[in-house]
């Protein structure tokens, strides 16, 4: 009804366009968007990534408790791995969201460097924690020693 009123008032019917050939009023209205950049198609499977993040988040609940009851190098390694993985995904999401190419005139150099630094920091952190676990008392025993102070 609104479409027919708009077309009658606009003179489209007088110009030879019949009302049956008009697709819908949605095609006539401009798209509203607050984005300053064009959306790009993503190449990753985000459903699987979201599921993996949720699994790691849920697995951290028992993994934060079990190593303190049963302290072994394996529970230390799983504790460190999940903690670094969880924090890596969080920091990476922050970097991707806030250091985006639109801030650098479309250049992806600085955002790629920032993401690479996140990967390097996560790899270094995981390596340092593994080194501490296998050459010293382990991360869980170190936390227990701090609690005793």
N, C-alpha and C. Protein backbone atom coordinates (compact mmCIF):
# COMPACT_ATOMS: atom_id res chain seq x y z
N UNK A 1 0.82 -1.18 0.00
CA UNK A 1 0.00 0.00 0.00
C UNK A 1 0.88 1.25 0.00
N UNK A 2 1.88 1.28 0.88
CA UNK A 2 2.79 2.41 0.90
C UNK A 2 3.56 2.51 -0.41
N UNK A 3 3.92 1.36 -0.96
CA UNK A 3 4.66 1.34 -2.23
C UNK A 3 3.82 1.93 -3.35
N UNK A 4 2.56 1.57 -3.40
CA UNK A 4 1.70 2.11 -4.46
C UNK A 4 1.50 3.61 -4.28
N UNK A 5 1.41 4.10 -3.05
CA UNK A 5 1.28 5.54 -2.82
C UNK A 5 2.55 6.28 -3.25
N UNK A 6 3.71 5.68 -2.93
CA UNK A 6 4.97 6.31 -3.32
C UNK A 6 5.12 6.37 -4.83
N UNK A 7 4.73 5.29 -5.52
CA UNK A 7 4.89 5.28 -6.97
C UNK A 7 3.89 6.21 -7.64
N UNK A 8 2.68 6.35 -7.11
CA UNK A 8 1.70 7.28 -7.68
C UNK A 8 2.17 8.71 -7.52
N UNK A 9 2.72 9.02 -6.37
CA UNK A 9 3.16 10.38 -6.12
C UNK A 9 4.46 10.73 -6.82
N UNK A 10 5.25 9.75 -7.17
CA UNK A 10 6.55 10.04 -7.77
C UNK A 10 6.50 10.18 -9.27
N UNK A 11 5.42 9.78 -9.90
CA UNK A 11 5.32 9.89 -11.34
C UNK A 11 5.92 8.71 -12.07
N UNK A 12 6.27 7.63 -11.39
CA UNK A 12 6.84 6.46 -12.04
C UNK A 12 5.82 5.78 -12.95
N UNK A 13 4.56 5.81 -12.55
CA UNK A 13 3.55 5.17 -13.37
C UNK A 13 3.33 5.96 -14.66
N UNK A 14 3.45 7.26 -14.60
CA UNK A 14 3.27 8.08 -15.80
C UNK A 14 4.42 7.88 -16.77
N UNK A 15 5.58 7.51 -16.26
CA UNK A 15 6.75 7.34 -17.12
C UNK A 15 6.77 6.00 -17.82
N UNK A 16 5.78 5.18 -17.62
CA UNK A 16 5.71 3.91 -18.32
C UNK A 16 6.08 2.71 -17.48
N UNK A 17 6.41 2.87 -16.22
CA UNK A 17 6.74 1.73 -15.36
C UNK A 17 5.46 1.31 -14.65
N UNK A 18 5.10 0.07 -14.84
CA UNK A 18 3.89 -0.43 -14.21
C UNK A 18 4.18 -0.78 -12.76
N UNK A 19 3.17 -0.77 -11.92
CA UNK A 19 3.37 -1.05 -10.50
C UNK A 19 3.76 -2.50 -10.25
N UNK A 20 3.47 -3.40 -11.18
CA UNK A 20 3.84 -4.80 -10.98
C UNK A 20 5.33 -5.03 -11.21
N UNK A 21 6.00 -4.10 -11.90
CA UNK A 21 7.43 -4.30 -12.17
C UNK A 21 8.31 -3.77 -11.04
N UNK A 22 7.75 -3.05 -10.07
CA UNK A 22 8.53 -2.55 -8.94
C UNK A 22 8.76 -3.70 -7.99
N UNK A 23 10.01 -3.91 -7.59
CA UNK A 23 10.39 -5.09 -6.82
C UNK A 23 9.87 -5.01 -5.40
N UNK A 24 10.31 -4.06 -4.64
CA UNK A 24 9.85 -3.89 -3.27
C UNK A 24 10.29 -2.52 -2.78
N UNK A 25 9.65 -2.02 -1.75
CA UNK A 25 10.07 -0.72 -1.24
C UNK A 25 11.45 -0.76 -0.60
N UNK A 26 11.93 -1.94 -0.20
CA UNK A 26 13.24 -2.04 0.43
C UNK A 26 14.35 -1.73 -0.57
N UNK A 27 14.12 -2.05 -1.85
CA UNK A 27 15.16 -1.79 -2.84
C UNK A 27 15.26 -0.31 -3.16
N UNK A 28 14.19 0.45 -2.90
CA UNK A 28 14.20 1.87 -3.16
C UNK A 28 14.86 2.67 -2.05
N UNK A 29 14.85 2.12 -0.84
CA UNK A 29 15.40 2.83 0.30
C UNK A 29 16.91 2.62 0.38
N UNK A 30 17.65 3.64 0.78
CA UNK A 30 19.10 3.46 0.91
C UNK A 30 19.43 2.59 2.10
N UNK A 31 20.52 1.86 1.98
CA UNK A 31 20.98 1.03 3.10
C UNK A 31 21.61 1.92 4.15
N UNK A 32 21.28 1.69 5.39
CA UNK A 32 21.86 2.48 6.47
C UNK A 32 22.97 1.69 7.13
N UNK A 33 24.11 2.30 7.24
CA UNK A 33 25.26 1.67 7.86
C UNK A 33 26.12 2.74 8.49
N UNK A 34 26.70 2.43 9.64
CA UNK A 34 27.57 3.36 10.32
C UNK A 34 29.04 3.01 10.08
N UNK A 35 29.29 2.02 9.25
CA UNK A 35 30.65 1.59 8.98
C UNK A 35 31.33 2.57 8.03
N UNK A 36 32.61 2.79 8.26
CA UNK A 36 33.37 3.67 7.37
C UNK A 36 34.17 2.89 6.34
N UNK A 37 34.17 1.56 6.47
CA UNK A 37 34.91 0.73 5.52
C UNK A 37 33.98 -0.31 4.93
N UNK A 38 34.38 -0.83 3.80
CA UNK A 38 33.60 -1.88 3.17
C UNK A 38 33.85 -3.20 3.89
N UNK A 39 32.79 -3.99 3.98
CA UNK A 39 32.93 -5.30 4.63
C UNK A 39 33.62 -6.26 3.68
N UNK A 40 34.55 -7.04 4.20
CA UNK A 40 35.25 -8.03 3.41
C UNK A 40 34.81 -9.41 3.86
N UNK A 41 34.79 -10.31 2.92
CA UNK A 41 34.44 -11.69 3.25
C UNK A 41 35.60 -12.31 4.04
N UNK A 42 35.24 -13.06 5.05
CA UNK A 42 36.26 -13.70 5.86
C UNK A 42 36.55 -15.08 5.29
N UNK A 43 37.77 -15.51 5.44
CA UNK A 43 38.16 -16.80 4.88
C UNK A 43 38.11 -17.93 5.90
N UNK A 44 37.96 -17.61 7.18
CA UNK A 44 38.01 -18.64 8.21
C UNK A 44 36.65 -19.19 8.57
N UNK A 45 36.67 -20.32 9.24
CA UNK A 45 35.44 -20.91 9.74
C UNK A 45 35.28 -20.48 11.18
N UNK A 46 34.48 -19.46 11.40
CA UNK A 46 34.39 -18.86 12.72
C UNK A 46 33.54 -19.68 13.69
N UNK A 47 32.70 -20.54 13.19
CA UNK A 47 31.90 -21.38 14.08
C UNK A 47 32.81 -22.38 14.79
N UNK A 48 33.73 -22.97 14.05
CA UNK A 48 34.67 -23.92 14.68
C UNK A 48 35.59 -23.21 15.66
N UNK A 49 36.01 -22.00 15.31
CA UNK A 49 36.88 -21.24 16.21
C UNK A 49 36.13 -20.86 17.49
N UNK A 50 34.88 -20.43 17.35
CA UNK A 50 34.09 -20.08 18.52
C UNK A 50 33.89 -21.30 19.40
N UNK A 51 33.63 -22.45 18.78
CA UNK A 51 33.45 -23.68 19.55
C UNK A 51 34.74 -24.05 20.29
N UNK A 52 35.87 -23.92 19.63
CA UNK A 52 37.16 -24.23 20.28
C UNK A 52 37.41 -23.29 21.45
N UNK A 53 37.09 -22.00 21.27
CA UNK A 53 37.27 -21.05 22.38
C UNK A 53 36.38 -21.40 23.56
N UNK A 54 35.16 -21.82 23.30
CA UNK A 54 34.25 -22.20 24.39
C UNK A 54 34.73 -23.47 25.08
N UNK A 55 35.24 -24.42 24.32
CA UNK A 55 35.75 -25.66 24.92
C UNK A 55 36.94 -25.35 25.83
N UNK A 56 37.84 -24.50 25.36
CA UNK A 56 39.00 -24.13 26.20
C UNK A 56 38.54 -23.38 27.44
N UNK A 57 37.57 -22.49 27.29
CA UNK A 57 37.08 -21.74 28.46
C UNK A 57 36.44 -22.66 29.49
N UNK A 58 35.67 -23.61 29.03
CA UNK A 58 35.02 -24.54 29.96
C UNK A 58 36.05 -25.51 30.55
N UNK A 59 37.04 -25.93 29.76
CA UNK A 59 38.07 -26.84 30.26
C UNK A 59 38.94 -26.18 31.31
N UNK A 60 39.02 -24.86 31.30
CA UNK A 60 39.85 -24.17 32.28
C UNK A 60 39.29 -24.27 33.70
N UNK A 61 38.01 -24.49 33.83
CA UNK A 61 37.42 -24.58 35.18
C UNK A 61 38.04 -25.75 35.95
N UNK A 62 37.98 -26.99 35.43
CA UNK A 62 38.64 -28.06 36.19
C UNK A 62 40.16 -27.97 36.16
N UNK A 63 40.72 -27.42 35.09
CA UNK A 63 42.17 -27.35 34.98
C UNK A 63 42.76 -26.33 35.96
N UNK A 64 41.97 -25.41 36.43
CA UNK A 64 42.46 -24.48 37.46
C UNK A 64 42.39 -25.10 38.85
N UNK A 65 41.70 -26.20 38.99
CA UNK A 65 41.55 -26.85 40.30
C UNK A 65 42.40 -28.12 40.40
N UNK A 66 42.35 -28.95 39.39
CA UNK A 66 43.00 -30.26 39.42
C UNK A 66 44.51 -30.17 39.67
N UNK A 67 45.27 -29.28 39.01
CA UNK A 67 46.72 -29.25 39.26
C UNK A 67 47.09 -28.94 40.71
N UNK A 68 46.23 -28.25 41.44
CA UNK A 68 46.54 -27.96 42.83
C UNK A 68 46.26 -29.15 43.74
N UNK A 69 45.41 -30.06 43.28
CA UNK A 69 45.16 -31.28 44.05
C UNK A 69 46.12 -32.39 43.65
N UNK A 70 46.47 -32.46 42.38
CA UNK A 70 47.37 -33.47 41.86
C UNK A 70 48.40 -32.77 40.98
N UNK A 71 49.54 -32.43 41.57
CA UNK A 71 50.55 -31.67 40.85
C UNK A 71 51.54 -32.61 40.18
N UNK A 72 51.49 -32.63 38.85
CA UNK A 72 52.44 -33.40 38.04
C UNK A 72 52.90 -32.50 36.90
N UNK A 73 53.97 -32.88 36.23
CA UNK A 73 54.39 -32.08 35.06
C UNK A 73 53.30 -32.02 33.97
N UNK A 74 52.53 -33.09 33.84
CA UNK A 74 51.46 -33.09 32.83
C UNK A 74 50.36 -32.09 33.18
N UNK A 75 49.92 -32.07 34.42
CA UNK A 75 48.87 -31.11 34.80
C UNK A 75 49.40 -29.68 34.73
N UNK A 76 50.68 -29.48 35.05
CA UNK A 76 51.28 -28.15 34.89
C UNK A 76 51.28 -27.73 33.42
N UNK A 77 51.65 -28.66 32.54
CA UNK A 77 51.72 -28.35 31.11
C UNK A 77 50.33 -28.04 30.55
N UNK A 78 49.33 -28.81 30.94
CA UNK A 78 47.96 -28.56 30.46
C UNK A 78 47.46 -27.22 31.01
N UNK A 79 47.74 -26.94 32.27
CA UNK A 79 47.36 -25.67 32.89
C UNK A 79 47.97 -24.50 32.13
N UNK A 80 49.27 -24.58 31.85
CA UNK A 80 49.96 -23.49 31.14
C UNK A 80 49.46 -23.36 29.70
N UNK A 81 49.27 -24.48 29.03
CA UNK A 81 48.83 -24.45 27.64
C UNK A 81 47.46 -23.79 27.51
N UNK A 82 46.52 -24.19 28.33
CA UNK A 82 45.18 -23.61 28.25
C UNK A 82 45.17 -22.15 28.66
N UNK A 83 45.97 -21.80 29.65
CA UNK A 83 46.03 -20.39 30.07
C UNK A 83 46.60 -19.51 28.97
N UNK A 84 47.68 -19.96 28.34
CA UNK A 84 48.29 -19.17 27.26
C UNK A 84 47.38 -19.14 26.04
N UNK A 85 46.76 -20.25 25.70
CA UNK A 85 45.84 -20.29 24.56
C UNK A 85 44.67 -19.34 24.76
N UNK A 86 44.09 -19.37 25.95
CA UNK A 86 42.95 -18.51 26.26
C UNK A 86 43.36 -17.04 26.22
N UNK A 87 44.48 -16.72 26.79
CA UNK A 87 44.92 -15.32 26.79
C UNK A 87 45.35 -14.88 25.39
N UNK A 88 45.93 -15.79 24.61
CA UNK A 88 46.32 -15.46 23.24
C UNK A 88 45.10 -15.07 22.41
N UNK A 89 44.04 -15.87 22.49
CA UNK A 89 42.83 -15.56 21.73
C UNK A 89 42.23 -14.23 22.16
N UNK A 90 42.27 -13.93 23.44
CA UNK A 90 41.73 -12.67 23.92
C UNK A 90 42.54 -11.47 23.45
N UNK A 91 43.87 -11.55 23.57
CA UNK A 91 44.72 -10.44 23.14
C UNK A 91 44.67 -10.29 21.62
N UNK A 92 44.62 -11.40 20.91
CA UNK A 92 44.53 -11.34 19.45
C UNK A 92 43.23 -10.67 19.01
N UNK A 93 42.14 -10.96 19.69
CA UNK A 93 40.86 -10.32 19.35
C UNK A 93 40.93 -8.82 19.59
N UNK A 94 41.58 -8.41 20.67
CA UNK A 94 41.73 -6.98 20.95
C UNK A 94 42.58 -6.31 19.87
N UNK A 95 43.68 -6.94 19.49
CA UNK A 95 44.56 -6.36 18.46
C UNK A 95 43.84 -6.27 17.13
N UNK A 96 43.13 -7.31 16.74
CA UNK A 96 42.42 -7.30 15.46
C UNK A 96 41.32 -6.25 15.46
N UNK A 97 40.64 -6.08 16.59
CA UNK A 97 39.55 -5.10 16.66
C UNK A 97 40.04 -3.66 16.69
N UNK A 98 41.13 -3.40 17.40
CA UNK A 98 41.54 -2.02 17.62
C UNK A 98 42.74 -1.56 16.79
N UNK A 99 43.48 -2.47 16.21
CA UNK A 99 44.56 -2.09 15.30
C UNK A 99 44.17 -2.61 13.93
N UNK A 100 43.23 -1.92 13.33
CA UNK A 100 42.66 -2.36 12.06
C UNK A 100 43.21 -1.51 10.91
N UNK A 101 43.16 -2.04 9.70
CA UNK A 101 43.73 -1.33 8.55
C UNK A 101 43.09 0.04 8.29
N UNK A 102 41.83 0.23 8.64
CA UNK A 102 41.19 1.52 8.37
C UNK A 102 41.84 2.66 9.16
N UNK A 103 42.51 2.35 10.25
CA UNK A 103 43.22 3.38 11.01
C UNK A 103 44.53 3.79 10.34
N UNK A 104 45.01 2.98 9.39
CA UNK A 104 46.28 3.24 8.73
C UNK A 104 46.09 3.41 7.23
N UNK A 105 45.00 4.05 6.85
CA UNK A 105 44.67 4.34 5.45
C UNK A 105 44.61 3.09 4.59
N UNK A 106 44.11 2.01 5.14
CA UNK A 106 43.95 0.77 4.39
C UNK A 106 45.18 -0.11 4.35
N UNK A 107 46.28 0.36 4.88
CA UNK A 107 47.51 -0.43 4.88
C UNK A 107 47.41 -1.53 5.94
N UNK A 108 47.81 -2.74 5.57
CA UNK A 108 47.74 -3.86 6.50
C UNK A 108 49.08 -4.16 7.14
N UNK A 109 50.08 -3.32 6.91
CA UNK A 109 51.43 -3.60 7.43
C UNK A 109 51.45 -3.57 8.96
N UNK A 110 50.99 -2.48 9.55
CA UNK A 110 51.03 -2.36 11.02
C UNK A 110 50.10 -3.35 11.70
N UNK A 111 48.85 -3.55 11.21
CA UNK A 111 48.03 -4.60 11.83
C UNK A 111 48.66 -5.98 11.74
N UNK A 112 49.30 -6.31 10.62
CA UNK A 112 49.96 -7.61 10.50
C UNK A 112 51.15 -7.72 11.45
N UNK A 113 51.89 -6.63 11.62
CA UNK A 113 52.99 -6.64 12.58
C UNK A 113 52.46 -6.84 14.00
N UNK A 114 51.36 -6.17 14.33
CA UNK A 114 50.78 -6.30 15.67
C UNK A 114 50.31 -7.73 15.93
N UNK A 115 49.66 -8.35 14.97
CA UNK A 115 49.21 -9.74 15.14
C UNK A 115 50.42 -10.67 15.24
N UNK A 116 51.46 -10.40 14.46
CA UNK A 116 52.68 -11.21 14.55
C UNK A 116 53.33 -11.09 15.93
N UNK A 117 53.30 -9.88 16.48
CA UNK A 117 53.85 -9.69 17.83
C UNK A 117 53.03 -10.44 18.88
N UNK A 118 51.73 -10.50 18.70
CA UNK A 118 50.88 -11.27 19.62
C UNK A 118 51.27 -12.75 19.56
N UNK A 119 51.46 -13.26 18.34
CA UNK A 119 51.87 -14.66 18.19
C UNK A 119 53.24 -14.90 18.82
N UNK A 120 54.17 -13.97 18.60
CA UNK A 120 55.51 -14.12 19.18
C UNK A 120 55.46 -14.08 20.71
N UNK A 121 54.66 -13.15 21.25
CA UNK A 121 54.52 -13.06 22.70
C UNK A 121 53.92 -14.34 23.28
N UNK A 122 52.90 -14.87 22.62
CA UNK A 122 52.26 -16.10 23.11
C UNK A 122 53.23 -17.28 23.03
N UNK A 123 53.98 -17.38 21.94
CA UNK A 123 54.94 -18.48 21.80
C UNK A 123 56.04 -18.36 22.85
N UNK A 124 56.54 -17.16 23.07
CA UNK A 124 57.58 -16.95 24.07
C UNK A 124 57.05 -17.29 25.47
N UNK A 125 55.83 -16.84 25.77
CA UNK A 125 55.23 -17.11 27.08
C UNK A 125 55.06 -18.60 27.31
N UNK A 126 54.54 -19.29 26.31
CA UNK A 126 54.34 -20.74 26.46
C UNK A 126 55.68 -21.45 26.62
N UNK A 127 56.66 -21.06 25.83
CA UNK A 127 57.99 -21.66 25.95
C UNK A 127 58.61 -21.40 27.31
N UNK A 128 58.47 -20.17 27.81
CA UNK A 128 59.02 -19.83 29.12
C UNK A 128 58.33 -20.61 30.23
N UNK A 129 57.03 -20.77 30.14
CA UNK A 129 56.31 -21.55 31.16
C UNK A 129 56.69 -23.03 31.11
N UNK A 130 56.82 -23.59 29.90
CA UNK A 130 57.27 -24.98 29.79
C UNK A 130 58.68 -25.14 30.37
N UNK A 131 59.55 -24.19 30.06
CA UNK A 131 60.92 -24.25 30.58
C UNK A 131 60.91 -24.20 32.11
N UNK A 132 60.10 -23.31 32.68
CA UNK A 132 59.99 -23.20 34.13
C UNK A 132 59.41 -24.48 34.72
N UNK A 133 58.44 -25.08 34.05
CA UNK A 133 57.83 -26.31 34.56
C UNK A 133 58.82 -27.46 34.61
N UNK A 134 59.67 -27.59 33.61
CA UNK A 134 60.53 -28.77 33.52
C UNK A 134 61.92 -28.56 34.10
N UNK A 135 62.33 -27.32 34.36
CA UNK A 135 63.66 -27.12 34.93
C UNK A 135 63.62 -26.59 36.36
N UNK A 136 62.45 -26.18 36.81
CA UNK A 136 62.33 -25.65 38.17
C UNK A 136 61.18 -26.39 38.86
N UNK A 137 60.54 -25.75 39.82
CA UNK A 137 59.52 -26.42 40.62
C UNK A 137 58.20 -26.57 39.89
N UNK A 138 57.97 -25.82 38.81
CA UNK A 138 56.69 -25.88 38.11
C UNK A 138 55.81 -24.71 38.52
N UNK A 139 54.93 -24.34 37.66
CA UNK A 139 54.11 -23.15 37.89
C UNK A 139 53.14 -23.35 39.06
N UNK A 140 52.55 -24.52 39.18
CA UNK A 140 51.58 -24.76 40.27
C UNK A 140 52.31 -24.79 41.61
N UNK A 141 53.47 -25.45 41.68
CA UNK A 141 54.23 -25.46 42.93
C UNK A 141 54.73 -24.06 43.28
N UNK A 142 55.07 -23.26 42.27
CA UNK A 142 55.48 -21.87 42.53
C UNK A 142 54.31 -21.07 43.12
N UNK A 143 53.12 -21.28 42.60
CA UNK A 143 51.94 -20.60 43.16
C UNK A 143 51.68 -21.07 44.59
N UNK A 144 51.83 -22.39 44.84
CA UNK A 144 51.65 -22.91 46.20
C UNK A 144 52.69 -22.30 47.15
N UNK A 145 53.93 -22.12 46.69
CA UNK A 145 54.97 -21.53 47.52
C UNK A 145 54.65 -20.07 47.83
N UNK A 146 54.08 -19.36 46.86
CA UNK A 146 53.68 -17.97 47.12
C UNK A 146 52.55 -17.90 48.14
N UNK A 147 51.63 -18.86 48.08
CA UNK A 147 50.52 -18.87 49.05
C UNK A 147 51.02 -19.13 50.47
N UNK A 148 52.10 -19.87 50.59
CA UNK A 148 52.63 -20.18 51.92
C UNK A 148 53.30 -18.99 52.58
N UNK A 149 53.70 -17.98 51.80
CA UNK A 149 54.40 -16.83 52.37
C UNK A 149 53.57 -16.10 53.35
